[in-house]
Amino acid sequence: MSRTTATQKEVPPADSGAQQIGDHAVIRKRELVPGKHPDPQLRREGQTQYLEQYFECVHCGIEVLSKMDLPDDCDGDAR
């Protein structure tokens, strides 16, 4: 019997809407955050919460605010 050393990556379901960026399979997420927006240009008077949008890799779980902030390599075993 021979052993293979090939690594398999988990493939996200087709309906997940994940976009492949390098080794990462990225989905867009949104979350209501309590408080005022950190950017004064987007802050409103009386604001008690704001919508934070970010990206998450379904393989390694990394969360970034911009796709450009994704590291080159995806450590899919980190989850």
N, C-alpha and C. Protein backbone atom coordinates (compact mmCIF):
# COMPACT_ATOMS: atom_id res chain seq x y z
N MET A 1 0.82 -1.17 0.00
CA MET A 1 0.00 0.00 0.00
C MET A 1 0.87 1.24 0.00
N SER A 2 0.50 2.22 -0.79
CA SER A 2 1.27 3.46 -0.81
C SER A 2 0.43 4.60 -0.25
N ARG A 3 1.11 5.52 0.36
CA ARG A 3 0.43 6.68 0.94
C ARG A 3 0.66 7.89 0.04
N THR A 4 -0.36 8.68 -0.08
CA THR A 4 -0.21 9.90 -0.86
C THR A 4 -0.06 11.08 0.09
N THR A 5 0.66 12.09 -0.35
CA THR A 5 0.86 13.27 0.48
C THR A 5 0.11 14.47 -0.08
N ALA A 6 -0.79 14.21 -0.99
CA ALA A 6 -1.56 15.30 -1.58
C ALA A 6 -2.48 15.92 -0.52
N THR A 7 -2.58 17.22 -0.55
CA THR A 7 -3.47 17.89 0.40
C THR A 7 -4.79 18.20 -0.28
N GLN A 8 -5.85 18.01 0.44
CA GLN A 8 -7.18 18.30 -0.08
C GLN A 8 -7.70 19.53 0.61
N LYS A 9 -8.27 20.43 -0.17
CA LYS A 9 -8.89 21.62 0.41
C LYS A 9 -10.40 21.45 0.37
N GLU A 10 -11.01 21.92 1.42
CA GLU A 10 -12.47 21.87 1.49
C GLU A 10 -13.04 22.82 0.45
N VAL A 11 -13.96 22.34 -0.34
CA VAL A 11 -14.59 23.17 -1.37
C VAL A 11 -15.91 23.68 -0.81
N PRO A 12 -16.10 25.02 -0.85
CA PRO A 12 -17.35 25.54 -0.32
C PRO A 12 -18.51 25.14 -1.21
N PRO A 13 -19.70 24.99 -0.65
CA PRO A 13 -20.87 24.66 -1.47
C PRO A 13 -21.09 25.73 -2.53
N ALA A 14 -21.62 25.31 -3.65
CA ALA A 14 -21.84 26.24 -4.76
C ALA A 14 -22.78 27.38 -4.38
N ASP A 15 -23.70 27.13 -3.45
CA ASP A 15 -24.66 28.17 -3.08
C ASP A 15 -24.13 29.10 -1.99
N SER A 16 -22.88 28.93 -1.56
CA SER A 16 -22.33 29.78 -0.51
C SER A 16 -22.02 31.18 -1.02
N GLY A 17 -21.87 31.32 -2.32
CA GLY A 17 -21.55 32.62 -2.90
C GLY A 17 -20.09 32.99 -2.72
N ALA A 18 -19.25 32.03 -2.35
CA ALA A 18 -17.84 32.30 -2.11
C ALA A 18 -17.14 32.64 -3.41
N GLN A 19 -16.27 33.65 -3.33
CA GLN A 19 -15.47 34.07 -4.46
C GLN A 19 -14.05 33.59 -4.24
N GLN A 20 -13.48 32.93 -5.22
CA GLN A 20 -12.12 32.42 -5.09
C GLN A 20 -11.14 33.56 -5.32
N ILE A 21 -10.30 33.85 -4.31
CA ILE A 21 -9.25 34.86 -4.42
C ILE A 21 -7.96 34.19 -3.98
N GLY A 22 -7.14 33.84 -4.93
CA GLY A 22 -5.93 33.07 -4.63
C GLY A 22 -6.33 31.73 -4.04
N ASP A 23 -5.77 31.40 -2.87
CA ASP A 23 -6.12 30.15 -2.19
C ASP A 23 -7.37 30.29 -1.34
N HIS A 24 -7.85 31.51 -1.16
CA HIS A 24 -8.99 31.77 -0.27
C HIS A 24 -10.33 31.68 -1.02
N ALA A 25 -11.34 31.20 -0.33
CA ALA A 25 -12.73 31.22 -0.81
C ALA A 25 -13.44 32.21 0.12
N VAL A 26 -13.71 33.40 -0.41
CA VAL A 26 -14.14 34.53 0.41
C VAL A 26 -15.63 34.80 0.26
N ILE A 27 -16.27 35.04 1.41
CA ILE A 27 -17.66 35.48 1.41
C ILE A 27 -17.73 36.84 2.09
N ARG A 28 -18.68 37.65 1.68
CA ARG A 28 -18.89 38.96 2.29
C ARG A 28 -19.83 38.79 3.47
N LYS A 29 -19.50 39.42 4.57
CA LYS A 29 -20.33 39.36 5.77
C LYS A 29 -20.64 40.78 6.24
N ARG A 30 -21.75 40.90 6.93
CA ARG A 30 -22.16 42.19 7.49
C ARG A 30 -22.57 41.98 8.93
N GLU A 31 -22.24 42.95 9.77
CA GLU A 31 -22.56 42.82 11.19
C GLU A 31 -22.88 44.21 11.76
N LEU A 32 -23.95 44.30 12.53
CA LEU A 32 -24.27 45.54 13.23
C LEU A 32 -23.39 45.65 14.46
N VAL A 33 -22.68 46.76 14.57
CA VAL A 33 -21.75 46.99 15.67
C VAL A 33 -22.30 48.13 16.52
N PRO A 34 -22.34 47.97 17.85
CA PRO A 34 -22.83 49.06 18.69
C PRO A 34 -21.83 50.22 18.72
N GLY A 35 -22.36 51.44 18.85
CA GLY A 35 -21.51 52.62 18.95
C GLY A 35 -21.56 53.46 17.69
N LYS A 36 -20.71 54.49 17.68
CA LYS A 36 -20.62 55.38 16.52
C LYS A 36 -19.60 54.82 15.54
N HIS A 37 -19.80 55.14 14.26
CA HIS A 37 -18.87 54.68 13.23
C HIS A 37 -17.50 55.30 13.49
N PRO A 38 -16.42 54.52 13.36
CA PRO A 38 -15.09 55.06 13.62
C PRO A 38 -14.63 56.12 12.62
N ASP A 39 -15.21 56.13 11.42
CA ASP A 39 -14.86 57.13 10.40
C ASP A 39 -15.76 58.35 10.57
N PRO A 40 -15.19 59.52 10.92
CA PRO A 40 -16.01 60.72 11.12
C PRO A 40 -16.88 61.08 9.91
N GLN A 41 -16.43 60.73 8.69
CA GLN A 41 -17.19 61.03 7.48
C GLN A 41 -18.48 60.20 7.40
N LEU A 42 -18.50 59.05 8.04
CA LEU A 42 -19.66 58.16 7.99
C LEU A 42 -20.48 58.18 9.28
N ARG A 43 -20.04 58.95 10.25
CA ARG A 43 -20.72 59.04 11.54
C ARG A 43 -21.92 59.97 11.41
N ARG A 44 -23.02 59.62 12.11
CA ARG A 44 -24.22 60.46 12.12
C ARG A 44 -24.53 60.86 13.56
N GLU A 45 -25.19 61.98 13.72
CA GLU A 45 -25.58 62.43 15.06
C GLU A 45 -26.62 61.47 15.62
N GLY A 46 -26.46 61.10 16.88
CA GLY A 46 -27.39 60.19 17.53
C GLY A 46 -27.20 58.73 17.14
N GLN A 47 -26.16 58.43 16.43
CA GLN A 47 -25.91 57.05 15.97
C GLN A 47 -25.58 56.14 17.15
N THR A 48 -26.27 55.00 17.22
CA THR A 48 -26.03 54.03 18.29
C THR A 48 -25.44 52.73 17.77
N GLN A 49 -25.44 52.54 16.45
CA GLN A 49 -24.85 51.36 15.84
C GLN A 49 -24.55 51.65 14.38
N TYR A 50 -23.69 50.85 13.79
CA TYR A 50 -23.37 51.00 12.38
C TYR A 50 -23.14 49.62 11.77
N LEU A 51 -23.24 49.55 10.46
CA LEU A 51 -23.07 48.29 9.73
C LEU A 51 -21.61 48.15 9.32
N GLU A 52 -20.97 47.11 9.79
CA GLU A 52 -19.58 46.81 9.43
C GLU A 52 -19.59 45.71 8.39
N GLN A 53 -18.93 45.94 7.26
CA GLN A 53 -18.84 44.93 6.21
C GLN A 53 -17.41 44.41 6.18
N TYR A 54 -17.27 43.10 6.06
CA TYR A 54 -15.95 42.50 6.01
C TYR A 54 -16.01 41.22 5.18
N PHE A 55 -14.86 40.63 4.96
CA PHE A 55 -14.75 39.41 4.16
C PHE A 55 -14.18 38.30 5.03
N GLU A 56 -14.68 37.08 4.83
CA GLU A 56 -14.21 35.92 5.60
C GLU A 56 -13.90 34.78 4.64
N CYS A 57 -12.78 34.12 4.86
CA CYS A 57 -12.41 32.95 4.08
C CYS A 57 -13.09 31.73 4.70
N VAL A 58 -13.80 30.96 3.91
CA VAL A 58 -14.49 29.78 4.43
C VAL A 58 -13.52 28.63 4.70
N HIS A 59 -12.30 28.73 4.19
CA HIS A 59 -11.29 27.69 4.43
C HIS A 59 -10.58 27.91 5.77
N CYS A 60 -10.00 29.10 5.94
CA CYS A 60 -9.15 29.33 7.12
C CYS A 60 -9.81 30.21 8.18
N GLY A 61 -10.91 30.86 7.84
CA GLY A 61 -11.63 31.67 8.83
C GLY A 61 -11.09 33.07 9.02
N ILE A 62 -10.07 33.48 8.28
CA ILE A 62 -9.53 34.82 8.44
C ILE A 62 -10.58 35.85 8.04
N GLU A 63 -10.65 36.94 8.79
CA GLU A 63 -11.59 38.02 8.51
C GLU A 63 -10.80 39.28 8.25
N VAL A 64 -11.10 39.96 7.12
CA VAL A 64 -10.40 41.19 6.75
C VAL A 64 -11.43 42.21 6.25
N LEU A 65 -11.08 43.48 6.35
CA LEU A 65 -11.97 44.54 5.88
C LEU A 65 -11.89 44.73 4.37
N SER A 66 -10.76 44.37 3.78
CA SER A 66 -10.56 44.54 2.35
C SER A 66 -9.97 43.25 1.77
N LYS A 67 -10.36 42.90 0.57
CA LYS A 67 -9.82 41.71 -0.08
C LYS A 67 -8.31 41.82 -0.25
N MET A 68 -7.82 43.05 -0.37
CA MET A 68 -6.38 43.27 -0.54
C MET A 68 -5.60 42.92 0.73
N ASP A 69 -6.29 42.82 1.87
CA ASP A 69 -5.64 42.49 3.14
C ASP A 69 -5.47 40.99 3.35
N LEU A 70 -5.98 40.18 2.43
CA LEU A 70 -5.84 38.73 2.56
C LEU A 70 -4.39 38.32 2.39
N PRO A 71 -3.87 37.45 3.26
CA PRO A 71 -2.51 36.96 3.06
C PRO A 71 -2.45 36.11 1.79
N ASP A 72 -1.26 35.95 1.26
CA ASP A 72 -1.09 35.17 0.02
C ASP A 72 -1.50 33.71 0.21
N ASP A 73 -1.14 33.14 1.34
CA ASP A 73 -1.41 31.73 1.57
C ASP A 73 -2.61 31.54 2.48
N CYS A 74 -3.39 30.52 2.20
CA CYS A 74 -4.55 30.18 3.01
C CYS A 74 -4.21 28.96 3.85
N ASP A 75 -4.28 29.12 5.17
CA ASP A 75 -4.00 28.00 6.07
C ASP A 75 -5.34 27.36 6.41
N GLY A 76 -5.84 26.55 5.52
CA GLY A 76 -7.17 25.94 5.67
C GLY A 76 -7.30 25.04 6.88
N ASP A 77 -6.19 24.64 7.48
CA ASP A 77 -6.23 23.78 8.67
C ASP A 77 -6.40 24.57 9.96
N ALA A 78 -6.43 25.90 9.88
CA ALA A 78 -6.48 26.74 11.08
C ALA A 78 -7.83 26.65 11.78
N ARG A 79 -8.86 26.29 11.07
CA ARG A 79 -10.21 26.23 11.66
C ARG A 79 -10.40 25.00 12.47
